[in-house]
Amino acid sequence: MKTAGIILFILGIAGTLIFGIQALDQSESFQLFGLDIAVSKANWTPVIFSAVILAAGLILMISSRKSTTR
């Protein structure tokens, strides 16, 4: 389980970084009354799934560590 947790954790980090950067690049900004306003046209679903995979990997790593120390 620890190996699966590490793999999911690494894939989650990579996916969150890659999809997050792509989503941030798809935003447009404009100025209104001196304020810089950004509007995102990105699809945030891959970022959310990657974050869930990252959390699942972290939970698996922590739970496998606790079960081996008992």
C-alpha atoms as a PDB file:
ATOM      1  CA  MET A   1       0.000   0.000   0.000  1.00  0.00           C
ATOM      2  CA  LYS A   2       2.858   2.352   0.713  1.00  0.00           C
ATOM      3  CA  THR A   3       4.166   1.984  -2.846  1.00  0.00           C
ATOM      4  CA  ALA A   4       0.725   2.712  -4.304  1.00  0.00           C
ATOM      5  CA  GLY A   5       0.473   5.751  -2.038  1.00  0.00           C
ATOM      6  CA  ILE A   6       3.830   7.080  -3.194  1.00  0.00           C
ATOM      7  CA  ILE A   7       2.901   6.574  -6.860  1.00  0.00           C
ATOM      8  CA  LEU A   8      -0.464   8.317  -6.430  1.00  0.00           C
ATOM      9  CA  PHE A   9       1.188  11.134  -4.487  1.00  0.00           C
ATOM     10  CA  ILE A  10       3.780  11.753  -7.213  1.00  0.00           C
ATOM     11  CA  LEU A  11       1.176  11.571  -9.997  1.00  0.00           C
ATOM     12  CA  GLY A  12      -1.063  13.943  -8.033  1.00  0.00           C
ATOM     13  CA  ILE A  13       1.714  16.500  -7.601  1.00  0.00           C
ATOM     14  CA  ALA A  14       2.672  16.300 -11.275  1.00  0.00           C
ATOM     15  CA  GLY A  15      -0.937  16.575 -12.466  1.00  0.00           C
ATOM     16  CA  THR A  16      -1.745  19.449 -10.136  1.00  0.00           C
ATOM     17  CA  LEU A  17       1.308  21.393 -11.282  1.00  0.00           C
ATOM     18  CA  ILE A  18       0.850  20.726 -14.997  1.00  0.00           C
ATOM     19  CA  PHE A  19      -2.902  21.291 -15.146  1.00  0.00           C
ATOM     20  CA  GLY A  20      -2.705  24.200 -12.706  1.00  0.00           C
ATOM     21  CA  ILE A  21      -0.161  26.048 -14.828  1.00  0.00           C
ATOM     22  CA  GLN A  22      -2.246  25.407 -17.947  1.00  0.00           C
ATOM     23  CA  ALA A  23      -5.358  26.721 -16.201  1.00  0.00           C
ATOM     24  CA  LEU A  24      -3.573  29.848 -15.001  1.00  0.00           C
ATOM     25  CA  ASP A  25      -2.279  30.496 -18.511  1.00  0.00           C
ATOM     26  CA  GLN A  26      -5.857  30.494 -19.824  1.00  0.00           C
ATOM     27  CA  SER A  27      -6.891  33.530 -17.808  1.00  0.00           C
ATOM     28  CA  GLU A  28      -7.358  37.023 -19.162  1.00  0.00           C
ATOM     29  CA  SER A  29      -6.918  40.190 -17.173  1.00  0.00           C
ATOM     30  CA  PHE A  30      -8.109  43.731 -17.643  1.00  0.00           C
ATOM     31  CA  GLN A  31      -8.076  46.938 -15.656  1.00  0.00           C
ATOM     32  CA  LEU A  32     -11.186  48.547 -14.262  1.00  0.00           C
ATOM     33  CA  PHE A  33     -10.877  51.767 -12.232  1.00  0.00           C
ATOM     34  CA  GLY A  34      -7.212  51.052 -11.589  1.00  0.00           C
ATOM     35  CA  LEU A  35      -7.808  47.463 -10.403  1.00  0.00           C
ATOM     36  CA  ASP A  36      -6.359  44.492 -12.258  1.00  0.00           C
ATOM     37  CA  ILE A  37      -9.180  41.943 -12.682  1.00  0.00           C
ATOM     38  CA  ALA A  38      -8.473  38.407 -13.923  1.00  0.00           C
ATOM     39  CA  VAL A  39     -11.114  36.224 -15.553  1.00  0.00           C
ATOM     40  CA  SER A  40     -10.393  32.534 -15.981  1.00  0.00           C
ATOM     41  CA  LYS A  41     -11.761  30.574 -18.931  1.00  0.00           C
ATOM     42  CA  ALA A  42     -10.012  27.373 -17.875  1.00  0.00           C
ATOM     43  CA  ASN A  43     -11.476  23.984 -17.126  1.00  0.00           C
ATOM     44  CA  TRP A  44     -10.549  23.346 -13.476  1.00  0.00           C
ATOM     45  CA  THR A  45     -11.803  19.729 -13.412  1.00  0.00           C
ATOM     46  CA  PRO A  46      -8.366  18.122 -14.130  1.00  0.00           C
ATOM     47  CA  VAL A  47      -6.798  20.210 -11.363  1.00  0.00           C
ATOM     48  CA  ILE A  48      -9.455  19.063  -8.888  1.00  0.00           C
ATOM     49  CA  PHE A  49      -9.033  15.392  -9.881  1.00  0.00           C
ATOM     50  CA  SER A  50      -5.256  15.696  -9.555  1.00  0.00           C
ATOM     51  CA  ALA A  51      -5.624  17.200  -6.088  1.00  0.00           C
ATOM     52  CA  VAL A  52      -7.936  14.330  -5.072  1.00  0.00           C
ATOM     53  CA  ILE A  53      -5.378  11.799  -6.339  1.00  0.00           C
ATOM     54  CA  LEU A  54      -2.655  13.623  -4.416  1.00  0.00           C
ATOM     55  CA  ALA A  55      -4.759  13.503  -1.227  1.00  0.00           C
ATOM     56  CA  ALA A  56      -5.530   9.802  -1.733  1.00  0.00           C
ATOM     57  CA  GLY A  57      -1.825   9.047  -2.122  1.00  0.00           C
ATOM     58  CA  LEU A  58      -1.020  11.018   0.998  1.00  0.00           C
ATOM     59  CA  ILE A  59      -3.708   9.168   2.976  1.00  0.00           C
ATOM     60  CA  LEU A  60      -2.401   5.800   1.765  1.00  0.00           C
ATOM     61  CA  MET A  61       1.162   6.717   2.719  1.00  0.00           C
ATOM     62  CA  ILE A  62       0.156   7.886   6.193  1.00  0.00           C
ATOM     63  CA  SER A  63      -2.143   4.926   6.859  1.00  0.00           C
ATOM     64  CA  SER A  64       0.493   2.409   5.740  1.00  0.00           C
ATOM     65  CA  ARG A  65       3.080   4.073   7.969  1.00  0.00           C
ATOM     66  CA  LYS A  66       0.765   3.893  10.994  1.00  0.00           C
ATOM     67  CA  SER A  67      -0.145   0.262  10.357  1.00  0.00           C
ATOM     68  CA  THR A  68       3.529  -0.817  10.149  1.00  0.00           C
ATOM     69  CA  THR A  69       4.467   0.855  13.430  1.00  0.00           C
ATOM     70  CA  ARG A  70       1.861  -1.062  15.483  1.00  0.00           C
END
